[in-house]
Amino acid sequence: MKMIRDTDLLQTQIQQFDMMSLFTSPNGIPFELRCYEQDELILQEGERMDAILFLVEGKVKISSSVQTGKALLLLFCEPFAIMGDIELIQKVTVQSQVEAVERVYCVAIPFTYIYDHLIGDPKFLMSLLTHVTYKLQTCTTASRVNLLASVENRFASYLLTTLQEENEFGKEIRTNNTQEIADLIGTTSRHLNRVILKLSDQGLIRKVGDAIQVVDESRLTEISHGLRYE
């Protein structure tokens, strides 16, 4: 992690996402701009966080370890996502591993300042509540889809979800990597490749390099049975 000492760039990022509107009295908040390089760990499970992070540029991958020693891929996040809300309120260690997929910039506010000055701010707390409930909804829905639907249903749901307009906190659960898609929808890459080949042969999708393009959205909607990862 590198601290960026560029006041103009920091103010540009704050203004771009209208961050001042998140607080009742924003004057005096010690915002910091932090940079993480591609593949760098931003947060690691079990560590203590020192600040809440607002993702303002780049893309991160969030995963959680399981008892087998493997990592369960949960979602991808793009701006304007918030990291550290659970750790701030519950005062617990980091709950999920966060890795930079590409160069990432985050605006940070130290926990110490929040506990001293912002923990009673209703606008700030409402922003955190809105975001954490959205994350809960996203993860709960994804779990329900993965448990109840076939791989073909899940993949169609995944494709249609990534076509939707981004929500208030940016795009989540989005990737073009086949192995990562398989991990997200709870299957193997071999099984997913068979489904991709089948849908391609039917003319519903087209694979161009690493990207998958939707050709027949209406037919995919029928296959998805209306389920979405959102």
C-alpha atoms as a PDB file:
ATOM      1  CA  MET A   1       0.000   0.000   0.000  1.00  0.00           C
ATOM      2  CA  LYS A   2       1.226   3.464  -0.866  1.00  0.00           C
ATOM      3  CA  MET A   3      -0.112   6.674   0.622  1.00  0.00           C
ATOM      4  CA  ILE A   4      -0.694   9.257  -2.131  1.00  0.00           C
ATOM      5  CA  ARG A   5       0.270  12.779  -1.049  1.00  0.00           C
ATOM      6  CA  ASP A   6      -1.618  14.556  -3.822  1.00  0.00           C
ATOM      7  CA  THR A   7      -4.255  16.903  -2.416  1.00  0.00           C
ATOM      8  CA  ASP A   8      -5.696  17.760  -5.838  1.00  0.00           C
ATOM      9  CA  LEU A   9      -6.149  14.094  -6.790  1.00  0.00           C
ATOM     10  CA  LEU A  10      -7.716  13.355  -3.411  1.00  0.00           C
ATOM     11  CA  GLN A  11     -10.185  16.216  -3.787  1.00  0.00           C
ATOM     12  CA  THR A  12     -11.017  15.103  -7.332  1.00  0.00           C
ATOM     13  CA  GLN A  13     -11.905  11.613  -6.106  1.00  0.00           C
ATOM     14  CA  ILE A  14     -13.960  12.979  -3.209  1.00  0.00           C
ATOM     15  CA  GLN A  15     -15.892  15.317  -5.522  1.00  0.00           C
ATOM     16  CA  GLN A  16     -16.396  12.646  -8.201  1.00  0.00           C
ATOM     17  CA  PHE A  17     -18.407  10.505  -5.777  1.00  0.00           C
ATOM     18  CA  ASP A  18     -19.900  13.403  -3.818  1.00  0.00           C
ATOM     19  CA  MET A  19     -18.460  11.952  -0.623  1.00  0.00           C
ATOM     20  CA  MET A  20     -19.116  15.095   1.388  1.00  0.00           C
ATOM     21  CA  SER A  21     -22.847  14.332   1.154  1.00  0.00           C
ATOM     22  CA  LEU A  22     -22.301  11.198   3.261  1.00  0.00           C
ATOM     23  CA  PHE A  23     -21.682  13.302   6.374  1.00  0.00           C
ATOM     24  CA  THR A  24     -23.651  15.857   8.364  1.00  0.00           C
ATOM     25  CA  SER A  25     -20.532  17.949   9.043  1.00  0.00           C
ATOM     26  CA  PRO A  26     -17.785  16.939   6.584  1.00  0.00           C
ATOM     27  CA  ASN A  27     -15.351  19.733   7.439  1.00  0.00           C
ATOM     28  CA  GLY A  28     -12.171  18.547   9.104  1.00  0.00           C
ATOM     29  CA  ILE A  29     -12.434  14.864   8.166  1.00  0.00           C
ATOM     30  CA  PRO A  30      -8.847  13.576   7.639  1.00  0.00           C
ATOM     31  CA  PHE A  31      -9.353  11.856   4.279  1.00  0.00           C
ATOM     32  CA  GLU A  32      -6.412   9.822   2.956  1.00  0.00           C
ATOM     33  CA  LEU A  33      -5.781   8.504  -0.564  1.00  0.00           C
ATOM     34  CA  ARG A  34      -4.271   5.011  -0.667  1.00  0.00           C
ATOM     35  CA  CYS A  35      -3.013   3.115  -3.722  1.00  0.00           C
ATOM     36  CA  TYR A  36      -2.709  -0.665  -4.126  1.00  0.00           C
ATOM     37  CA  GLU A  37      -0.982  -2.320  -7.067  1.00  0.00           C
ATOM     38  CA  GLN A  38      -2.401  -5.213  -9.099  1.00  0.00           C
ATOM     39  CA  ASP A  39      -2.531  -8.513  -7.129  1.00  0.00           C
ATOM     40  CA  GLU A  40      -1.696  -6.711  -3.865  1.00  0.00           C
ATOM     41  CA  LEU A  41      -3.634  -7.781  -0.785  1.00  0.00           C
ATOM     42  CA  ILE A  42      -5.678  -4.867   0.472  1.00  0.00           C
ATOM     43  CA  LEU A  43      -7.186  -6.723   3.429  1.00  0.00           C
ATOM     44  CA  GLN A  44      -6.316 -10.118   4.883  1.00  0.00           C
ATOM     45  CA  GLU A  45      -8.581 -12.208   7.095  1.00  0.00           C
ATOM     46  CA  GLY A  46      -7.745 -11.944  10.781  1.00  0.00           C
ATOM     47  CA  GLU A  47      -5.893  -8.640  10.539  1.00  0.00           C
ATOM     48  CA  ARG A  48      -6.971  -5.418  12.233  1.00  0.00           C
ATOM     49  CA  MET A  49      -8.153  -2.581  10.026  1.00  0.00           C
ATOM     50  CA  ASP A  50      -7.096   0.972  10.780  1.00  0.00           C
ATOM     51  CA  ALA A  51      -9.520   2.785   8.449  1.00  0.00           C
ATOM     52  CA  ILE A  52     -12.710   2.417   6.478  1.00  0.00           C
ATOM     53  CA  LEU A  53     -12.022   2.302   2.723  1.00  0.00           C
ATOM     54  CA  PHE A  54     -14.104   3.809  -0.081  1.00  0.00           C
ATOM     55  CA  LEU A  55     -13.162   2.229  -3.420  1.00  0.00           C
ATOM     56  CA  VAL A  56     -12.901   5.085  -5.930  1.00  0.00           C
ATOM     57  CA  GLU A  57     -10.878   3.539  -8.761  1.00  0.00           C
ATOM     58  CA  GLY A  58     -10.062  -0.006  -9.883  1.00  0.00           C
ATOM     59  CA  LYS A  59     -11.503  -3.412  -9.119  1.00  0.00           C
ATOM     60  CA  VAL A  60     -11.135  -5.767  -6.156  1.00  0.00           C
ATOM     61  CA  LYS A  61     -11.793  -9.473  -5.595  1.00  0.00           C
ATOM     62  CA  ILE A  62     -13.324 -10.566  -2.281  1.00  0.00           C
ATOM     63  CA  SER A  63     -12.972 -14.131  -1.007  1.00  0.00           C
ATOM     64  CA  SER A  64     -13.300 -16.050   2.222  1.00  0.00           C
ATOM     65  CA  SER A  65     -11.271 -19.056   3.360  1.00  0.00           C
ATOM     66  CA  VAL A  66     -12.952 -22.339   4.307  1.00  0.00           C
ATOM     67  CA  GLN A  67     -11.821 -25.203   6.530  1.00  0.00           C
ATOM     68  CA  THR A  68     -10.427 -27.185   3.595  1.00  0.00           C
ATOM     69  CA  GLY A  69      -7.849 -24.467   3.095  1.00  0.00           C
ATOM     70  CA  LYS A  70      -9.404 -23.303  -0.160  1.00  0.00           C
ATOM     71  CA  ALA A  71     -10.769 -19.824  -0.802  1.00  0.00           C
ATOM     72  CA  LEU A  72     -14.434 -19.255  -1.561  1.00  0.00           C
ATOM     73  CA  LEU A  73     -14.820 -16.486  -4.130  1.00  0.00           C
ATOM     74  CA  LEU A  74     -17.620 -14.172  -2.983  1.00  0.00           C
ATOM     75  CA  LEU A  75     -17.768 -11.234  -5.383  1.00  0.00           C
ATOM     76  CA  PHE A  76     -15.948  -8.521  -7.270  1.00  0.00           C
ATOM     77  CA  CYS A  77     -16.404  -4.841  -6.473  1.00  0.00           C
ATOM     78  CA  GLU A  78     -15.877  -1.660  -8.441  1.00  0.00           C
ATOM     79  CA  PRO A  79     -16.443   1.959  -7.367  1.00  0.00           C
ATOM     80  CA  PHE A  80     -18.182   3.119  -5.240  1.00  0.00           C
ATOM     81  CA  ALA A  81     -17.884   0.206  -2.798  1.00  0.00           C
ATOM     82  CA  ILE A  82     -17.193   0.456   0.930  1.00  0.00           C
ATOM     83  CA  MET A  83     -14.825  -1.863   2.788  1.00  0.00           C
ATOM     84  CA  GLY A  84     -14.559  -2.102   6.546  1.00  0.00           C
ATOM     85  CA  ASP A  85     -18.140  -1.308   7.576  1.00  0.00           C
ATOM     86  CA  ILE A  86     -18.613  -4.585   9.467  1.00  0.00           C
ATOM     87  CA  GLU A  87     -15.174  -4.340  11.059  1.00  0.00           C
ATOM     88  CA  LEU A  88     -15.891  -0.750  12.143  1.00  0.00           C
ATOM     89  CA  ILE A  89     -19.261  -1.398  13.765  1.00  0.00           C
ATOM     90  CA  GLN A  90     -18.601  -4.862  15.206  1.00  0.00           C
ATOM     91  CA  LYS A  91     -14.984  -4.044  16.164  1.00  0.00           C
ATOM     92  CA  VAL A  92     -13.786  -7.353  14.761  1.00  0.00           C
ATOM     93  CA  THR A  93     -10.819  -8.378  12.645  1.00  0.00           C
ATOM     94  CA  VAL A  94     -11.053  -8.460   8.839  1.00  0.00           C
ATOM     95  CA  GLN A  95     -13.749 -10.941   7.794  1.00  0.00           C
ATOM     96  CA  SER A  96     -12.815 -11.487   4.117  1.00  0.00           C
ATOM     97  CA  GLN A  97      -9.703 -11.270   1.992  1.00  0.00           C
ATOM     98  CA  VAL A  98      -9.655  -8.386  -0.483  1.00  0.00           C
ATOM     99  CA  GLU A  99      -7.215  -8.402  -3.403  1.00  0.00           C
ATOM    100  CA  ALA A 100      -6.597  -5.756  -6.059  1.00  0.00           C
ATOM    101  CA  VAL A 101      -7.451  -7.122  -9.511  1.00  0.00           C
ATOM    102  CA  GLU A 102      -5.854  -4.023 -11.036  1.00  0.00           C
ATOM    103  CA  ARG A 103      -4.367  -0.840  -9.629  1.00  0.00           C
ATOM    104  CA  VAL A 104      -6.785   0.392  -6.969  1.00  0.00           C
ATOM    105  CA  TYR A 105      -7.301   3.739  -5.262  1.00  0.00           C
ATOM    106  CA  CYS A 106      -9.229   4.041  -2.004  1.00  0.00           C
ATOM    107  CA  VAL A 107     -10.199   7.070   0.026  1.00  0.00           C
ATOM    108  CA  ALA A 108      -9.678   6.166   3.679  1.00  0.00           C
ATOM    109  CA  ILE A 109     -10.972   7.601   6.955  1.00  0.00           C
ATOM    110  CA  PRO A 110      -9.153   6.389  10.098  1.00  0.00           C
ATOM    111  CA  PHE A 111     -11.234   4.387  12.560  1.00  0.00           C
ATOM    112  CA  THR A 112      -9.954   6.527  15.434  1.00  0.00           C
ATOM    113  CA  TYR A 113     -11.445   9.659  13.868  1.00  0.00           C
ATOM    114  CA  ILE A 114     -14.725   7.885  13.136  1.00  0.00           C
ATOM    115  CA  TYR A 115     -15.074   6.641  16.719  1.00  0.00           C
ATOM    116  CA  ASP A 116     -14.312  10.120  18.051  1.00  0.00           C
ATOM    117  CA  HIS A 117     -16.345  12.247  15.629  1.00  0.00           C
ATOM    118  CA  LEU A 118     -18.577  10.287  13.218  1.00  0.00           C
ATOM    119  CA  ILE A 119     -19.966   7.271  15.016  1.00  0.00           C
ATOM    120  CA  GLY A 120     -23.089   9.240  15.975  1.00  0.00           C
ATOM    121  CA  ASP A 121     -23.563  10.946  12.598  1.00  0.00           C
ATOM    122  CA  PRO A 122     -26.949   9.718  11.259  1.00  0.00           C
ATOM    123  CA  LYS A 123     -26.101  10.442   7.596  1.00  0.00           C
ATOM    124  CA  PHE A 124     -22.841   8.510   7.794  1.00  0.00           C
ATOM    125  CA  LEU A 125     -24.462   5.609   9.644  1.00  0.00           C
ATOM    126  CA  MET A 126     -27.299   5.465   7.111  1.00  0.00           C
ATOM    127  CA  SER A 127     -24.747   5.247   4.290  1.00  0.00           C
ATOM    128  CA  LEU A 128     -23.061   2.319   6.043  1.00  0.00           C
ATOM    129  CA  LEU A 129     -26.405   0.648   6.729  1.00  0.00           C
ATOM    130  CA  THR A 130     -27.492   0.990   3.101  1.00  0.00           C
ATOM    131  CA  HIS A 131     -24.236  -0.516   1.864  1.00  0.00           C
ATOM    132  CA  VAL A 132     -23.988  -3.393   4.335  1.00  0.00           C
ATOM    133  CA  THR A 133     -27.586  -4.435   3.706  1.00  0.00           C
ATOM    134  CA  TYR A 134     -26.924  -4.353  -0.042  1.00  0.00           C
ATOM    135  CA  LYS A 135     -23.916  -6.646   0.434  1.00  0.00           C
ATOM    136  CA  LEU A 136     -26.027  -8.976   2.565  1.00  0.00           C
ATOM    137  CA  GLN A 137     -28.722  -9.036  -0.112  1.00  0.00           C
ATOM    138  CA  THR A 138     -26.161  -9.732  -2.848  1.00  0.00           C
ATOM    139  CA  CYS A 139     -24.479 -12.606  -1.007  1.00  0.00           C
ATOM    140  CA  THR A 140     -27.774 -14.110   0.201  1.00  0.00           C
ATOM    141  CA  THR A 141     -29.273 -14.027  -3.289  1.00  0.00           C
ATOM    142  CA  ALA A 142     -26.142 -15.540  -4.825  1.00  0.00           C
ATOM    143  CA  SER A 143     -26.207 -18.370  -2.278  1.00  0.00           C
ATOM    144  CA  ARG A 144     -29.900 -19.027  -2.976  1.00  0.00           C
ATOM    145  CA  VAL A 145     -29.353 -19.105  -6.740  1.00  0.00           C
ATOM    146  CA  ASN A 146     -26.375 -21.448  -6.418  1.00  0.00           C
ATOM    147  CA  LEU A 147     -28.321 -23.857  -4.192  1.00  0.00           C
ATOM    148  CA  LEU A 148     -31.582 -23.990  -6.131  1.00  0.00           C
ATOM    149  CA  ALA A 149     -30.673 -23.663  -9.837  1.00  0.00           C
ATOM    150  CA  SER A 150     -28.817 -25.771 -12.395  1.00  0.00           C
ATOM    151  CA  VAL A 151     -25.448 -24.637 -13.725  1.00  0.00           C
ATOM    152  CA  GLU A 152     -27.100 -23.560 -16.992  1.00  0.00           C
ATOM    153  CA  ASN A 153     -29.683 -21.519 -15.037  1.00  0.00           C
ATOM    154  CA  ARG A 154     -26.946 -20.007 -12.876  1.00  0.00           C
ATOM    155  CA  PHE A 155     -24.729 -19.059 -15.791  1.00  0.00           C
ATOM    156  CA  ALA A 156     -27.644 -17.415 -17.632  1.00  0.00           C
ATOM    157  CA  SER A 157     -28.496 -15.543 -14.416  1.00  0.00           C
ATOM    158  CA  TYR A 158     -24.886 -14.461 -14.036  1.00  0.00           C
ATOM    159  CA  LEU A 159     -24.673 -13.145 -17.609  1.00  0.00           C
ATOM    160  CA  LEU A 160     -27.917 -11.212 -17.286  1.00  0.00           C
ATOM    161  CA  THR A 161     -26.865  -9.774 -13.926  1.00  0.00           C
ATOM    162  CA  THR A 162     -23.661  -8.378 -15.441  1.00  0.00           C
ATOM    163  CA  LEU A 163     -25.723  -6.683 -18.154  1.00  0.00           C
ATOM    164  CA  GLN A 164     -27.697  -4.670 -15.618  1.00  0.00           C
ATOM    165  CA  GLU A 165     -26.881  -1.047 -14.893  1.00  0.00           C
ATOM    166  CA  GLU A 166     -24.617  -0.558 -11.922  1.00  0.00           C
ATOM    167  CA  ASN A 167     -26.161   0.067  -8.537  1.00  0.00           C
ATOM    168  CA  GLU A 168     -25.423   2.885  -6.114  1.00  0.00           C
ATOM    169  CA  PHE A 169     -22.200   1.238  -4.950  1.00  0.00           C
ATOM    170  CA  GLY A 170     -20.877   0.132  -8.324  1.00  0.00           C
ATOM    171  CA  LYS A 171     -20.762  -3.197 -10.114  1.00  0.00           C
ATOM    172  CA  GLU A 172     -20.417  -6.320  -7.993  1.00  0.00           C
ATOM    173  CA  ILE A 173     -19.967  -9.985  -8.923  1.00  0.00           C
ATOM    174  CA  ARG A 174     -18.499  -9.096 -12.340  1.00  0.00           C
ATOM    175  CA  THR A 175     -15.639 -10.873 -14.140  1.00  0.00           C
ATOM    176  CA  ASN A 176     -14.853 -12.247 -17.609  1.00  0.00           C
ATOM    177  CA  ASN A 177     -12.514 -14.983 -16.313  1.00  0.00           C
ATOM    178  CA  THR A 178     -14.068 -18.436 -16.848  1.00  0.00           C
ATOM    179  CA  GLN A 179     -12.474 -20.003 -13.768  1.00  0.00           C
ATOM    180  CA  GLU A 180     -13.602 -17.098 -11.602  1.00  0.00           C
ATOM    181  CA  ILE A 181     -17.142 -17.269 -13.018  1.00  0.00           C
ATOM    182  CA  ALA A 182     -17.195 -20.999 -12.199  1.00  0.00           C
ATOM    183  CA  ASP A 183     -16.092 -20.254  -8.635  1.00  0.00           C
ATOM    184  CA  LEU A 184     -18.724 -17.537  -8.272  1.00  0.00           C
ATOM    185  CA  ILE A 185     -21.609 -19.696  -9.455  1.00  0.00           C
ATOM    186  CA  GLY A 186     -20.469 -22.790  -7.573  1.00  0.00           C
ATOM    187  CA  THR A 187     -19.333 -25.189 -10.292  1.00  0.00           C
ATOM    188  CA  THR A 188     -16.169 -26.436 -11.999  1.00  0.00           C
ATOM    189  CA  SER A 189     -14.557 -24.723 -14.970  1.00  0.00           C
ATOM    190  CA  ARG A 190     -14.939 -27.973 -16.969  1.00  0.00           C
ATOM    191  CA  HIS A 191     -18.699 -28.052 -16.391  1.00  0.00           C
ATOM    192  CA  LEU A 192     -19.011 -24.350 -17.126  1.00  0.00           C
ATOM    193  CA  ASN A 193     -17.079 -24.734 -20.391  1.00  0.00           C
ATOM    194  CA  ARG A 194     -19.563 -27.417 -21.477  1.00  0.00           C
ATOM    195  CA  VAL A 195     -22.436 -25.026 -20.747  1.00  0.00           C
ATOM    196  CA  ILE A 196     -20.679 -22.197 -22.626  1.00  0.00           C
ATOM    197  CA  LEU A 197     -20.173 -24.483 -25.636  1.00  0.00           C
ATOM    198  CA  LYS A 198     -23.838 -25.550 -25.550  1.00  0.00           C
ATOM    199  CA  LEU A 199     -25.156 -21.980 -25.364  1.00  0.00           C
ATOM    200  CA  SER A 200     -22.721 -20.911 -28.089  1.00  0.00           C
ATOM    201  CA  ASP A 201     -23.915 -23.711 -30.383  1.00  0.00           C
ATOM    202  CA  GLN A 202     -27.497 -22.577 -29.754  1.00  0.00           C
ATOM    203  CA  GLY A 203     -26.562 -19.029 -30.773  1.00  0.00           C
ATOM    204  CA  LEU A 204     -27.409 -17.505 -27.376  1.00  0.00           C
ATOM    205  CA  ILE A 205     -23.888 -16.282 -26.583  1.00  0.00           C
ATOM    206  CA  ARG A 206     -20.643 -15.691 -28.436  1.00  0.00           C
ATOM    207  CA  LYS A 207     -17.150 -16.176 -27.010  1.00  0.00           C
ATOM    208  CA  VAL A 208     -14.647 -13.646 -28.348  1.00  0.00           C
ATOM    209  CA  GLY A 209     -11.216 -14.155 -26.814  1.00  0.00           C
ATOM    210  CA  ASP A 210     -11.653 -13.920 -23.035  1.00  0.00           C
ATOM    211  CA  ALA A 211     -14.989 -12.119 -23.331  1.00  0.00           C
ATOM    212  CA  ILE A 212     -18.469 -13.646 -23.501  1.00  0.00           C
ATOM    213  CA  GLN A 213     -21.065 -11.663 -25.443  1.00  0.00           C
ATOM    214  CA  VAL A 214     -24.811 -12.088 -25.013  1.00  0.00           C
ATOM    215  CA  VAL A 215     -26.538 -12.613 -28.369  1.00  0.00           C
ATOM    216  CA  ASP A 216     -30.075 -13.646 -27.371  1.00  0.00           C
ATOM    217  CA  GLU A 217     -31.038 -11.915 -24.125  1.00  0.00           C
ATOM    218  CA  SER A 218     -34.695 -12.990 -24.237  1.00  0.00           C
ATOM    219  CA  ARG A 219     -33.829 -16.686 -24.494  1.00  0.00           C
ATOM    220  CA  LEU A 220     -31.287 -16.384 -21.667  1.00  0.00           C
ATOM    221  CA  THR A 221     -34.006 -14.732 -19.578  1.00  0.00           C
ATOM    222  CA  GLU A 222     -36.178 -17.813 -20.084  1.00  0.00           C
ATOM    223  CA  ILE A 223     -33.317 -20.121 -19.072  1.00  0.00           C
ATOM    224  CA  SER A 224     -32.564 -18.042 -15.960  1.00  0.00           C
ATOM    225  CA  HIS A 225     -36.185 -18.320 -14.726  1.00  0.00           C
ATOM    226  CA  GLY A 226     -35.934 -14.698 -13.610  1.00  0.00           C
ATOM    227  CA  LEU A 227     -33.156 -15.360 -11.084  1.00  0.00           C
ATOM    228  CA  ARG A 228     -30.423 -12.727 -10.701  1.00  0.00           C
ATOM    229  CA  TYR A 229     -27.245 -12.359  -8.641  1.00  0.00           C
ATOM    230  CA  GLU A 230     -28.457  -9.045  -7.193  1.00  0.00           C
END
